[in-house]
C-alpha atoms as a PDB file:
ATOM      1  CA  MET A   1     -31.437  87.311  19.359  1.00  0.00           C
ATOM      2  CA  ILE A   2     -31.193  88.728  16.169  1.00  0.00           C
ATOM      3  CA  ARG A   3     -29.234  85.305  14.854  1.00  0.00           C
ATOM      4  CA  THR A   4     -31.991  83.247  16.490  1.00  0.00           C
ATOM      5  CA  VAL A   5     -34.691  85.209  14.652  1.00  0.00           C
ATOM      6  CA  LEU A   6     -32.819  84.784  11.306  1.00  0.00           C
ATOM      7  CA  ILE A   7     -32.564  81.339  11.656  1.00  0.00           C
ATOM      8  CA  ALA A   8     -36.086  80.884  12.316  1.00  0.00           C
ATOM      9  CA  VAL A   9     -36.908  82.874   9.231  1.00  0.00           C
ATOM     10  CA  ALA A  10     -34.519  80.871   7.055  1.00  0.00           C
ATOM     11  CA  LEU A  11     -36.281  77.754   8.307  1.00  0.00           C
ATOM     12  CA  LEU A  12     -39.484  79.159   7.369  1.00  0.00           C
ATOM     13  CA  ALA A  13     -38.476  80.161   4.223  1.00  0.00           C
ATOM     14  CA  LEU A  14     -36.969  76.775   3.594  1.00  0.00           C
ATOM     15  CA  GLY A  15     -40.151  74.867   4.785  1.00  0.00           C
ATOM     16  CA  ALA A  16     -42.503  77.052   2.316  1.00  0.00           C
ATOM     17  CA  CYS A  17     -40.220  75.852  -0.671  1.00  0.00           C
ATOM     18  CA  THR A  18     -41.184  72.606  -0.220  1.00  0.00           C
ATOM     19  CA  SER A  19     -44.282  70.908  -1.721  1.00  0.00           C
ATOM     20  CA  ALA A  20     -45.574  68.495   0.901  1.00  0.00           C
ATOM     21  CA  PRO A  21     -46.775  69.753   4.268  1.00  0.00           C
ATOM     22  CA  PRO A  22     -44.443  68.578   6.768  1.00  0.00           C
ATOM     23  CA  PRO A  23     -45.432  65.293   8.789  1.00  0.00           C
ATOM     24  CA  SER A  24     -47.454  66.114  11.794  1.00  0.00           C
ATOM     25  CA  PRO A  25     -46.156  64.539  14.912  1.00  0.00           C
ATOM     26  CA  THR A  26     -47.242  61.218  16.435  1.00  0.00           C
ATOM     27  CA  THR A  27     -47.137  59.856  19.995  1.00  0.00           C
ATOM     28  CA  GLU A  28     -46.170  56.281  18.591  1.00  0.00           C
ATOM     29  CA  SER A  29     -43.529  55.415  16.270  1.00  0.00           C
ATOM     30  CA  THR A  30     -43.858  51.602  14.864  1.00  0.00           C
ATOM     31  CA  PRO A  31     -40.848  50.629  12.921  1.00  0.00           C
ATOM     32  CA  PRO A  32     -41.513  49.219   9.505  1.00  0.00           C
ATOM     33  CA  SER A  33     -42.016  45.269   9.388  1.00  0.00           C
ATOM     34  CA  THR A  34     -39.664  43.222   7.271  1.00  0.00           C
ATOM     35  CA  PRO A  35     -41.073  40.670   5.173  1.00  0.00           C
ATOM     36  CA  THR A  36     -40.086  37.960   7.875  1.00  0.00           C
ATOM     37  CA  GLU A  37     -41.785  39.595  10.396  1.00  0.00           C
ATOM     38  CA  SER A  38     -44.942  40.442   8.628  1.00  0.00           C
ATOM     39  CA  ALA A  39     -45.133  36.702   7.716  1.00  0.00           C
ATOM     40  CA  GLY A  40     -45.517  35.862  11.152  1.00  0.00           C
ATOM     41  CA  VAL A  41     -42.432  33.430  11.302  1.00  0.00           C
ATOM     42  CA  ASN A  42     -39.827  33.721  14.132  1.00  0.00           C
ATOM     43  CA  CYS A  43     -37.778  31.664  16.576  1.00  0.00           C
ATOM     44  CA  GLU A  44     -40.964  31.261  19.104  1.00  0.00           C
ATOM     45  CA  ASP A  45     -42.012  28.616  16.138  1.00  0.00           C
ATOM     46  CA  ALA A  46     -39.003  26.768  16.825  1.00  0.00           C
ATOM     47  CA  PRO A  47     -38.407  26.819  20.803  1.00  0.00           C
ATOM     48  CA  GLU A  48     -35.643  25.235  22.253  1.00  0.00           C
ATOM     49  CA  ASP A  49     -37.690  22.443  23.990  1.00  0.00           C
ATOM     50  CA  VAL A  50     -39.260  21.494  20.863  1.00  0.00           C
ATOM     51  CA  VAL A  51     -35.910  21.640  18.754  1.00  0.00           C
ATOM     52  CA  GLY A  52     -34.262  19.963  21.359  1.00  0.00           C
ATOM     53  CA  ALA A  53     -36.334  17.082  21.989  1.00  0.00           C
ATOM     54  CA  VAL A  54     -36.732  16.057  18.342  1.00  0.00           C
ATOM     55  CA  LEU A  55     -32.919  16.205  17.765  1.00  0.00           C
ATOM     56  CA  GLN A  56     -31.929  14.459  21.411  1.00  0.00           C
ATOM     57  CA  LEU A  57     -29.630  17.210  22.223  1.00  0.00           C
ATOM     58  CA  ARG A  58     -29.754  19.558  25.288  1.00  0.00           C
ATOM     59  CA  LEU A  59     -30.287  23.057  23.626  1.00  0.00           C
ATOM     60  CA  ASN A  60     -30.636  26.605  25.537  1.00  0.00           C
ATOM     61  CA  HIS A  61     -30.236  30.081  25.126  1.00  0.00           C
ATOM     62  CA  PRO A  62     -32.018  30.539  21.509  1.00  0.00           C
ATOM     63  CA  ARG A  63     -30.815  33.613  19.860  1.00  0.00           C
ATOM     64  CA  GLN A  64     -32.765  35.064  16.893  1.00  0.00           C
ATOM     65  CA  THR A  65     -31.466  37.303  13.912  1.00  0.00           C
ATOM     66  CA  ILE A  66     -33.818  38.441  11.271  1.00  0.00           C
ATOM     67  CA  THR A  67     -32.173  39.505   7.883  1.00  0.00           C
ATOM     68  CA  ASP A  68     -34.962  40.464   5.181  1.00  0.00           C
ATOM     69  CA  ASN A  69     -36.983  37.443   5.054  1.00  0.00           C
ATOM     70  CA  VAL A  70     -34.589  34.931   6.866  1.00  0.00           C
ATOM     71  CA  VAL A  71     -35.129  34.178  10.466  1.00  0.00           C
ATOM     72  CA  ARG A  72     -32.036  32.352  12.099  1.00  0.00           C
ATOM     73  CA  CYS A  73     -32.589  30.645  15.225  1.00  0.00           C
ATOM     74  CA  SER A  74     -29.371  29.118  16.978  1.00  0.00           C
ATOM     75  CA  TYR A  75     -29.108  27.498  19.808  1.00  0.00           C
ATOM     76  CA  ASP A  76     -26.037  26.865  22.487  1.00  0.00           C
ATOM     77  CA  GLY A  77     -25.583  23.170  22.818  1.00  0.00           C
ATOM     78  CA  GLY A  78     -24.913  20.840  19.782  1.00  0.00           C
ATOM     79  CA  MET A  79     -24.218  23.898  17.455  1.00  0.00           C
ATOM     80  CA  THR A  80     -27.722  23.736  16.081  1.00  0.00           C
ATOM     81  CA  GLU A  81     -29.598  26.398  13.941  1.00  0.00           C
ATOM     82  CA  VAL A  82     -32.919  26.458  12.490  1.00  0.00           C
ATOM     83  CA  ARG A  83     -33.454  28.967   9.729  1.00  0.00           C
ATOM     84  CA  PHE A  84     -36.766  30.078   8.216  1.00  0.00           C
ATOM     85  CA  GLU A  85     -36.881  31.768   4.921  1.00  0.00           C
ATOM     86  CA  THR A  86     -40.329  33.124   3.560  1.00  0.00           C
ATOM     87  CA  GLY A  87     -41.123  33.974   0.205  1.00  0.00           C
ATOM     88  CA  ALA A  88     -39.241  30.806  -1.026  1.00  0.00           C
ATOM     89  CA  ASP A  89     -40.029  29.312  -4.327  1.00  0.00           C
ATOM     90  CA  ALA A  90     -38.449  26.791  -6.696  1.00  0.00           C
ATOM     91  CA  ALA A  91     -35.819  29.150  -8.109  1.00  0.00           C
ATOM     92  CA  SER A  92     -34.497  30.659  -4.606  1.00  0.00           C
ATOM     93  CA  PHE A  93     -34.550  26.836  -3.312  1.00  0.00           C
ATOM     94  CA  ALA A  94     -32.100  26.098  -6.264  1.00  0.00           C
ATOM     95  CA  GLU A  95     -30.163  29.021  -5.851  1.00  0.00           C
ATOM     96  CA  GLY A  96     -29.461  27.994  -2.143  1.00  0.00           C
ATOM     97  CA  ARG A  97     -28.721  24.647  -3.007  1.00  0.00           C
ATOM     98  CA  LYS A  98     -25.601  25.978  -4.665  1.00  0.00           C
ATOM     99  CA  ASP A  99     -24.077  26.823  -1.208  1.00  0.00           C
ATOM    100  CA  HIS A 100     -23.969  23.045  -0.034  1.00  0.00           C
ATOM    101  CA  ALA A 101     -21.933  20.495  -0.831  1.00  0.00           C
ATOM    102  CA  GLN A 102     -22.334  16.447  -0.522  1.00  0.00           C
ATOM    103  CA  ILE A 103     -25.851  16.705  -1.443  1.00  0.00           C
ATOM    104  CA  ALA A 104     -28.566  14.179  -1.362  1.00  0.00           C
ATOM    105  CA  ASP A 105     -32.086  14.596  -2.771  1.00  0.00           C
ATOM    106  CA  LEU A 106     -34.817  13.571  -0.418  1.00  0.00           C
ATOM    107  CA  PRO A 107     -37.644  12.546  -2.776  1.00  0.00           C
ATOM    108  CA  ASP A 108     -41.137  12.795  -1.528  1.00  0.00           C
ATOM    109  CA  PHE A 109     -40.350  15.166   1.526  1.00  0.00           C
ATOM    110  CA  HIS A 110     -42.402  18.216   1.482  1.00  0.00           C
ATOM    111  CA  ASP A 111     -42.197  20.247  -1.669  1.00  0.00           C
ATOM    112  CA  GLU A 112     -38.809  19.810  -2.207  1.00  0.00           C
ATOM    113  CA  ALA A 113     -35.812  18.869   0.109  1.00  0.00           C
ATOM    114  CA  TYR A 114     -32.298  17.597   0.324  1.00  0.00           C
ATOM    115  CA  ARG A 115     -29.699  16.933   2.830  1.00  0.00           C
ATOM    116  CA  ALA A 116     -25.801  18.010   2.855  1.00  0.00           C
ATOM    117  CA  THR A 117     -22.977  17.129   4.999  1.00  0.00           C
ATOM    118  CA  ALA A 118     -20.101  19.199   6.129  1.00  0.00           C
ATOM    119  CA  VAL A 119     -17.076  17.559   7.716  1.00  0.00           C
ATOM    120  CA  THR A 120     -14.707  19.523   9.408  1.00  0.00           C
ATOM    121  CA  GLY A 121     -11.967  17.588  11.166  1.00  0.00           C
ATOM    122  CA  GLU A 122     -13.827  15.239  13.451  1.00  0.00           C
ATOM    123  CA  VAL A 123     -17.182  17.623  13.312  1.00  0.00           C
ATOM    124  CA  ILE A 124     -19.975  16.403  10.885  1.00  0.00           C
ATOM    125  CA  GLN A 125     -22.674  18.876  10.533  1.00  0.00           C
ATOM    126  CA  THR A 126     -25.763  17.853   8.543  1.00  0.00           C
ATOM    127  CA  ALA A 127     -27.928  20.349   7.152  1.00  0.00           C
ATOM    128  CA  VAL A 128     -31.419  19.440   5.843  1.00  0.00           C
ATOM    129  CA  VAL A 129     -33.523  21.856   3.555  1.00  0.00           C
ATOM    130  CA  ALA A 130     -37.052  21.510   2.877  1.00  0.00           C
ATOM    131  CA  ARG A 131     -39.660  23.933   1.170  1.00  0.00           C
ATOM    132  CA  ALA A 132     -43.424  23.711   1.545  1.00  0.00           C
ATOM    133  CA  GLY A 133     -44.726  26.446  -0.044  1.00  0.00           C
ATOM    134  CA  THR A 134     -43.395  29.532   0.085  1.00  0.00           C
ATOM    135  CA  VAL A 135     -41.515  28.654   3.288  1.00  0.00           C
ATOM    136  CA  GLU A 136     -38.084  26.953   3.249  1.00  0.00           C
ATOM    137  CA  ILE A 137     -36.853  25.562   6.578  1.00  0.00           C
ATOM    138  CA  THR A 138     -33.203  24.398   7.233  1.00  0.00           C
ATOM    139  CA  VAL A 139     -32.007  22.666  10.138  1.00  0.00           C
ATOM    140  CA  THR A 140     -28.125  22.286  10.498  1.00  0.00           C
ATOM    141  CA  SER A 141     -27.140  20.364  13.562  1.00  0.00           C
ATOM    142  CA  GLY A 142     -24.772  17.431  14.620  1.00  0.00           C
ATOM    143  CA  ALA A 143     -27.946  15.361  14.867  1.00  0.00           C
ATOM    144  CA  HIS A 144     -28.741  12.517  12.527  1.00  0.00           C
ATOM    145  CA  ALA A 145     -30.484  13.675   9.276  1.00  0.00           C
ATOM    146  CA  ASP A 146     -33.676  11.762   9.930  1.00  0.00           C
ATOM    147  CA  GLN A 147     -33.858  13.646  13.214  1.00  0.00           C
ATOM    148  CA  ALA A 148     -33.478  16.978  11.341  1.00  0.00           C
ATOM    149  CA  GLN A 149     -36.195  15.707   8.741  1.00  0.00           C
ATOM    150  CA  GLN A 150     -38.643  14.981  11.687  1.00  0.00           C
ATOM    151  CA  LEU A 151     -38.001  18.517  13.262  1.00  0.00           C
ATOM    152  CA  ILE A 152     -38.722  20.121   9.811  1.00  0.00           C
ATOM    153  CA  THR A 153     -41.970  18.262   9.802  1.00  0.00           C
ATOM    154  CA  THR A 154     -42.807  19.228  13.178  1.00  0.00           C
ATOM    155  CA  LEU A 155     -41.722  22.588  12.516  1.00  0.00           C
ATOM    156  CA  PHE A 156     -43.855  23.209   9.242  1.00  0.00           C
ATOM    157  CA  THR A 157     -46.954  21.678  11.331  1.00  0.00           C
ATOM    158  CA  ARG A 158     -46.543  24.476  13.962  1.00  0.00           C
ATOM    159  CA  LEU A 159     -46.550  27.153  11.203  1.00  0.00           C
END
């Protein structure tokens, strides 16, 4: 009993030493939003039926991963990923370009764009990257680059 009283007195004394009042309890706790969530971009903007139809692939089981201002949507079937980056600008676009090899510019496709090809054994993956305003979309897939470009245009109209 004395021990409990001493602990309570110590906690009260410690609380009196702080300059800010303790936060009042709330019934709801909302997690802080990430820049991507506050921008309203998520994988609902790239549903599997739309992505699969444009790329002519049978896709299912979309999975969303959000890291800072990047949303990654990956799908089973066809090793396909759609990546949204919000807050993009010419500098971040140029920086991301350094991560790819075998690049070909795509002039007159949105604000700026390119495609990159990666070959691993017999598997060819094409990434088409385009920026329009402050949103960058990357489509990585085994589909043809023209189909990926068509998908990017479709996705930009959905935002």
